[in-house]
Amino acid sequence: MSSQTKACLFALATALMWSTIATAFKLTLDHLDPWQMVFWSVLTSTLLLGGFVFAQGKLPQLIQQAKKYFWLYTLLGFLNPFLYHIALFGGYDLLSAQQAQALNYSWPLALTLLAVPLLGNKLSFKDAVCCLIAYLGVVIISTRGELQNLNFGSPQGVILVLSSTLVWALYWILNAKNEGDSMVGLLLCFLFGLPWITLAIILKSSIWPISMEGLGGAIYIGLIEMGFAYIFWLKALKLADNTAVISNISYLSPFLSLIFIANVLNENIHPSTYVGLIMIVASVVFQQRKPKTKKQPETPVMSNH
């Protein structure tokens, strides 16, 4: 089996894992509040990533990287996993799964927009058109196609999910300053994020007691969304001879996700969801088909939800 074939299989496995996440979010939110979901899923992922780093003999590198980028990881840990997942889970709590997961796929366009003031990038005509089309898709999804009424159902939910895309984009722009090992860096983000999350759950909710169903859901999210999906994706990129092919496989995820949402959550997928999602994904694909500028941060994934 060629290296590229193995890379494609890892990428496909990653896309399949991502496609279950929106459903897992909604099922778990039936038993936990967003604060509890963040705490238990991040704790699970931290233990998983810590095990991988330990097994690879990278603990000295962990300490060295933490010392070198201490304040950067303090900020990154606040942004992700803490702030990003609080906003995302809060949005999922207020919106249908199909709306929340589709809106979340607009984050690469948020990255493009933030790169203008933060990195000094110029917004080309193509970038502007792609952003306009994508965010029109966002409006279509949010209003279920009723553009004349602009009835957003849950404006707070829409704001939370779109805010999470900005946080995620800011996280990756700042993370580009980190030149250390990717796996070690992710673990450090989670280690530095845990104190923020622990303080938040003490102030806003409670760590225990929680239901076994909720705990199981949070563990699944921690293992899959925050753990194995990232590990498999890194493996795919490492093995790939052509990363463009690998990236294209990730675009299967939002559409596969709708299958799980319809059959497990029994949501009736609204036609506007398909229209808006196609507009968002098409805009992202078209916008990213260009040579990267020197300052443009590399997009490691299209999305992970």
Protein backbone atom coordinates (compact mmCIF):
# COMPACT_ATOMS: atom_id res chain seq x y z
CA MET A 1 0.00 0.00 0.00
CA SER A 2 1.46 3.36 -1.05
CA SER A 3 2.06 6.21 1.36
CA GLN A 4 -0.58 8.33 -0.38
CA THR A 5 -3.17 5.54 -0.09
CA LYS A 6 -2.47 5.21 3.63
CA ALA A 7 -2.80 8.99 3.96
CA CYS A 8 -6.17 8.91 2.23
CA LEU A 9 -7.39 6.15 4.54
CA PHE A 10 -6.34 8.12 7.62
CA ALA A 11 -8.03 11.23 6.21
CA LEU A 12 -11.22 9.28 5.45
CA ALA A 13 -11.24 7.86 8.98
CA THR A 14 -10.85 11.39 10.31
CA ALA A 15 -13.75 12.67 8.20
CA LEU A 16 -15.95 9.83 9.46
CA MET A 17 -15.08 10.69 13.07
CA TRP A 18 -15.79 14.38 12.51
CA SER A 19 -19.15 13.53 10.94
CA THR A 20 -20.40 11.98 14.21
CA ILE A 21 -19.50 14.96 16.38
CA ALA A 22 -22.53 17.21 15.85
CA THR A 23 -24.80 14.31 16.81
CA ALA A 24 -22.65 13.52 19.84
CA PHE A 25 -22.81 17.16 20.94
CA LYS A 26 -26.60 17.26 20.90
CA LEU A 27 -27.03 13.88 22.60
CA THR A 28 -24.61 14.84 25.37
CA LEU A 29 -26.26 18.24 25.87
CA ASP A 30 -29.42 16.37 26.85
CA HIS A 31 -27.54 15.30 30.01
CA LEU A 32 -24.86 17.96 30.63
CA ASP A 33 -24.65 21.72 30.41
CA PRO A 34 -21.95 23.26 28.16
CA TRP A 35 -19.62 23.91 31.12
CA GLN A 36 -19.72 20.26 32.18
CA MET A 37 -19.27 19.09 28.59
CA VAL A 38 -16.16 21.18 28.15
CA PHE A 39 -14.63 20.08 31.45
CA TRP A 40 -15.09 16.32 31.07
CA SER A 41 -14.29 16.16 27.35
CA VAL A 42 -11.15 18.27 27.71
CA LEU A 43 -10.02 16.24 30.72
CA THR A 44 -10.48 13.05 28.68
CA SER A 45 -8.56 14.43 25.71
CA THR A 46 -5.75 15.71 27.94
CA LEU A 47 -5.25 12.23 29.38
CA LEU A 48 -5.30 10.68 25.89
CA LEU A 49 -2.84 13.17 24.39
CA GLY A 50 -0.66 12.91 27.48
CA GLY A 51 -0.50 9.15 27.01
CA PHE A 52 0.61 9.56 23.38
CA VAL A 53 3.25 12.14 24.24
CA PHE A 54 4.56 9.97 27.08
CA ALA A 55 4.65 6.85 24.86
CA GLN A 56 6.64 8.78 22.25
CA GLY A 57 9.20 9.84 24.85
CA LYS A 58 8.47 13.53 24.37
CA LEU A 59 8.13 14.62 28.00
CA PRO A 60 11.47 16.52 27.92
CA GLN A 61 10.25 18.28 24.79
CA LEU A 62 6.96 19.07 26.57
CA ILE A 63 8.79 20.83 29.39
CA GLN A 64 11.12 22.67 27.01
CA GLN A 65 8.27 23.82 24.78
CA ALA A 66 6.18 24.93 27.77
CA LYS A 67 9.04 27.08 29.10
CA LYS A 68 9.82 28.61 25.72
CA TYR A 69 6.22 29.53 24.86
CA PHE A 70 4.72 29.86 28.37
CA TRP A 71 2.70 33.03 27.80
CA LEU A 72 1.68 31.98 24.31
CA TYR A 73 0.25 28.71 25.63
CA THR A 74 -1.48 30.59 28.43
CA LEU A 75 -3.36 32.58 25.79
CA LEU A 76 -3.84 29.64 23.41
CA GLY A 77 -5.24 27.47 26.22
CA PHE A 78 -7.75 30.18 27.05
CA LEU A 79 -8.86 30.38 23.41
CA ASN A 80 -8.87 26.63 22.74
CA PRO A 81 -10.04 24.42 24.35
CA PHE A 82 -11.78 26.82 26.77
CA LEU A 83 -13.42 29.78 25.01
CA TYR A 84 -13.90 28.05 21.66
CA HIS A 85 -15.74 25.05 23.07
CA ILE A 86 -17.82 27.08 25.53
CA ALA A 87 -19.10 29.21 22.65
CA LEU A 88 -19.56 26.21 20.34
CA PHE A 89 -21.34 24.02 22.88
CA GLY A 90 -23.49 26.97 23.94
CA GLY A 91 -24.52 27.46 20.32
CA TYR A 92 -25.33 23.78 19.89
CA ASP A 93 -27.44 23.96 23.04
CA LEU A 94 -29.64 26.66 21.45
CA LEU A 95 -29.70 25.60 17.79
CA SER A 96 -30.53 22.45 15.89
CA ALA A 97 -27.53 20.25 15.12
CA GLN A 98 -27.87 20.84 11.37
CA GLN A 99 -27.76 24.62 11.84
CA ALA A 100 -24.88 24.67 14.32
CA GLN A 101 -22.59 22.29 12.41
CA ALA A 102 -23.20 24.06 9.11
CA LEU A 103 -22.51 27.51 10.58
CA ASN A 104 -19.30 26.23 12.14
CA TYR A 105 -17.92 25.36 8.70
CA SER A 106 -17.57 29.07 7.91
CA TRP A 107 -14.46 29.32 10.10
CA PRO A 108 -11.89 29.31 7.23
CA LEU A 109 -13.52 32.51 5.97
CA ALA A 110 -13.26 33.97 9.46
CA LEU A 111 -9.54 33.13 9.27
CA THR A 112 -9.27 35.04 6.00
CA LEU A 113 -10.99 38.10 7.48
CA LEU A 114 -8.95 38.12 10.70
CA ALA A 115 -5.71 37.78 8.74
CA VAL A 116 -6.34 41.24 7.27
CA PRO A 117 -6.02 43.30 10.50
CA LEU A 118 -3.81 40.85 12.42
CA LEU A 119 -1.33 39.79 9.73
CA GLY A 120 -1.60 42.69 7.30
CA ASN A 121 -2.93 40.47 4.52
CA LYS A 122 -4.88 42.10 1.71
CA LEU A 123 -8.43 41.01 1.02
CA SER A 124 -8.56 40.23 -2.69
CA PHE A 125 -11.67 40.56 -4.81
CA LYS A 126 -11.97 36.75 -4.87
CA ASP A 127 -11.66 36.59 -1.09
CA ALA A 128 -14.36 39.22 -0.68
CA VAL A 129 -16.75 37.45 -3.05
CA CYS A 130 -16.16 34.09 -1.33
CA CYS A 131 -16.83 35.63 2.08
CA LEU A 132 -20.03 37.28 0.85
CA ILE A 133 -21.32 34.04 -0.65
CA ALA A 134 -20.39 32.00 2.43
CA TYR A 135 -22.01 34.40 4.86
CA LEU A 136 -25.10 34.59 2.67
CA GLY A 137 -25.17 30.82 3.14
CA VAL A 138 -24.92 31.45 6.89
CA VAL A 139 -27.98 33.73 6.73
CA ILE A 140 -29.91 31.17 4.67
CA ILE A 141 -29.18 28.42 7.22
CA SER A 142 -29.90 30.66 10.21
CA THR A 143 -33.26 31.84 8.85
CA ARG A 144 -34.19 28.47 7.29
CA GLY A 145 -34.39 30.23 3.95
CA GLU A 146 -36.86 32.91 5.08
CA LEU A 147 -34.68 35.82 4.06
CA GLN A 148 -37.59 38.23 3.78
CA ASN A 149 -38.40 37.86 7.49
CA LEU A 150 -34.83 37.50 8.82
CA ASN A 151 -36.20 35.31 11.60
CA PHE A 152 -33.09 33.75 13.11
CA GLY A 153 -34.94 31.51 15.57
CA SER A 154 -32.20 31.77 18.20
CA PRO A 155 -30.05 34.85 17.50
CA GLN A 156 -27.99 34.07 20.60
CA GLY A 157 -27.22 30.58 19.29
CA VAL A 158 -26.17 31.96 15.90
CA ILE A 159 -23.95 34.57 17.57
CA LEU A 160 -22.31 31.94 19.79
CA VAL A 161 -21.45 29.60 16.90
CA LEU A 162 -20.18 32.43 14.68
CA SER A 163 -18.17 33.74 17.64
CA SER A 164 -16.62 30.30 18.02
CA THR A 165 -15.43 30.47 14.40
CA LEU A 166 -13.66 33.76 15.15
CA VAL A 167 -12.06 32.30 18.28
CA TRP A 168 -10.94 29.22 16.32
CA ALA A 169 -9.47 31.38 13.55
CA LEU A 170 -7.66 33.60 16.08
CA TYR A 171 -6.30 30.48 17.77
CA TRP A 172 -4.74 29.23 14.54
CA ILE A 173 -3.27 32.62 13.67
CA LEU A 174 -1.56 32.80 17.07
CA ASN A 175 -0.64 29.11 16.94
CA ALA A 176 1.36 29.79 13.78
CA LYS A 177 3.93 31.49 16.04
CA ASN A 178 4.57 28.13 17.72
CA GLU A 179 7.37 26.23 15.99
CA GLY A 180 7.37 23.21 18.31
CA ASP A 181 6.01 19.69 17.89
CA SER A 182 2.31 19.72 16.91
CA MET A 183 1.19 16.93 19.25
CA VAL A 184 3.11 18.38 22.17
CA GLY A 185 1.70 21.81 21.38
CA LEU A 186 -1.89 20.56 21.41
CA LEU A 187 -1.35 18.82 24.74
CA LEU A 188 0.10 22.02 26.20
CA CYS A 189 -2.92 24.01 25.00
CA PHE A 190 -5.17 21.57 26.84
CA LEU A 191 -2.99 21.56 29.96
CA PHE A 192 -2.97 25.37 30.04
CA GLY A 193 -6.69 25.47 29.25
CA LEU A 194 -7.76 23.15 32.08
CA PRO A 195 -7.32 25.75 34.86
CA TRP A 196 -9.60 28.18 32.98
CA ILE A 197 -12.17 25.43 32.48
CA THR A 198 -11.99 24.24 36.09
CA LEU A 199 -12.50 27.77 37.42
CA ALA A 200 -15.43 28.31 35.04
CA ILE A 201 -17.25 25.11 36.01
CA ILE A 202 -16.80 25.89 39.71
CA LEU A 203 -18.32 29.34 39.21
CA LYS A 204 -21.01 28.46 36.65
CA SER A 205 -21.98 24.81 37.20
CA SER A 206 -20.83 21.70 39.06
CA ILE A 207 -18.31 18.98 38.30
CA TRP A 208 -20.31 16.23 40.00
CA PRO A 209 -22.82 14.58 40.16
CA ILE A 210 -23.55 13.99 36.48
CA SER A 211 -25.35 11.19 34.65
CA MET A 212 -23.46 8.24 33.23
CA GLU A 213 -24.98 9.02 29.80
CA GLY A 214 -23.58 12.53 29.95
CA LEU A 215 -20.18 11.33 31.13
CA GLY A 216 -20.07 8.74 28.34
CA GLY A 217 -20.90 11.39 25.75
CA ALA A 218 -18.22 13.75 27.06
CA ILE A 219 -15.64 10.95 27.03
CA TYR A 220 -16.56 10.14 23.42
CA ILE A 221 -16.17 13.80 22.44
CA GLY A 222 -12.83 14.00 24.23
CA LEU A 223 -11.51 10.84 22.60
CA ILE A 224 -12.82 11.51 19.08
CA GLU A 225 -13.29 15.24 18.43
CA MET A 226 -10.37 16.44 20.56
CA GLY A 227 -8.17 13.35 20.35
CA PHE A 228 -8.04 10.62 17.73
CA ALA A 229 -9.38 12.81 14.91
CA TYR A 230 -6.48 15.21 15.39
CA ILE A 231 -3.95 12.37 15.71
CA PHE A 232 -5.23 10.66 12.55
CA TRP A 233 -5.25 13.95 10.64
CA LEU A 234 -1.62 14.65 11.54
CA LYS A 235 -0.76 11.14 10.40
CA ALA A 236 -2.56 11.69 7.09
CA LEU A 237 -0.67 14.94 6.45
CA LYS A 238 2.64 13.31 7.35
CA LEU A 239 2.10 10.41 4.92
CA ALA A 240 0.56 12.39 2.07
CA ASP A 241 2.45 13.10 -1.13
CA ASN A 242 -0.36 15.44 -2.19
CA THR A 243 -1.99 17.27 0.72
CA ALA A 244 -4.62 18.84 -1.56
CA VAL A 245 -6.22 15.42 -2.03
CA ILE A 246 -6.23 14.90 1.73
CA SER A 247 -7.81 18.29 2.34
CA ASN A 248 -10.56 17.57 -0.17
CA ILE A 249 -11.53 14.42 1.74
CA SER A 250 -12.35 16.59 4.76
CA TYR A 251 -15.17 18.22 2.77
CA LEU A 252 -17.12 14.97 3.01
CA SER A 253 -17.55 15.51 6.74
CA PRO A 254 -20.38 18.11 6.87
CA PHE A 255 -22.52 16.16 4.43
CA LEU A 256 -21.94 12.83 6.15
CA SER A 257 -22.80 14.60 9.40
CA LEU A 258 -26.29 15.39 8.09
CA ILE A 259 -26.90 11.65 7.66
CA PHE A 260 -26.20 11.02 11.35
CA ILE A 261 -28.24 14.08 12.36
CA ALA A 262 -31.23 12.90 10.36
CA ASN A 263 -31.12 9.25 11.40
CA VAL A 264 -29.93 9.45 15.01
CA LEU A 265 -31.38 12.77 16.16
CA ASN A 266 -34.41 12.47 13.84
CA GLU A 267 -34.01 16.05 12.66
CA ASN A 268 -35.82 16.85 9.45
CA ILE A 269 -33.03 18.33 7.31
CA HIS A 270 -34.36 21.59 5.90
CA PRO A 271 -33.60 22.30 2.21
CA SER A 272 -32.06 25.62 3.24
CA THR A 273 -29.43 23.69 5.22
CA TYR A 274 -28.22 21.95 2.07
CA VAL A 275 -28.25 25.19 0.07
CA GLY A 276 -26.40 27.18 2.72
CA LEU A 277 -23.89 24.42 3.44
CA ILE A 278 -23.06 23.98 -0.24
CA MET A 279 -22.53 27.75 -0.52
CA ILE A 280 -20.19 27.75 2.49
CA VAL A 281 -18.16 24.70 1.46
CA ALA A 282 -17.91 25.82 -2.18
CA SER A 283 -16.72 29.26 -1.07
CA VAL A 284 -14.09 27.74 1.22
CA VAL A 285 -12.82 25.39 -1.49
CA PHE A 286 -12.66 28.13 -4.12
CA GLN A 287 -11.08 30.65 -1.75
CA GLN A 288 -8.34 28.24 -0.70
CA ARG A 289 -7.39 27.36 -4.29
CA LYS A 290 -4.62 29.92 -4.51
CA PRO A 291 -0.96 30.24 -3.58
CA LYS A 292 -0.62 31.06 0.11
CA THR A 293 0.86 34.44 0.92
CA LYS A 294 3.88 34.56 3.16
CA LYS A 295 1.82 35.72 6.14
CA GLN A 296 -1.19 33.46 5.62
CA PRO A 297 -1.33 30.86 8.43
CA GLU A 298 -1.56 27.32 7.20
CA THR A 299 -5.04 25.89 7.65
CA PRO A 300 -4.51 22.46 9.23
CA VAL A 301 -8.09 21.35 8.73
CA MET A 302 -11.17 22.75 7.09
CA SER A 303 -13.07 22.16 10.29
CA ASN A 304 -13.38 19.47 12.87
CA HIS A 305 -17.09 19.57 13.53
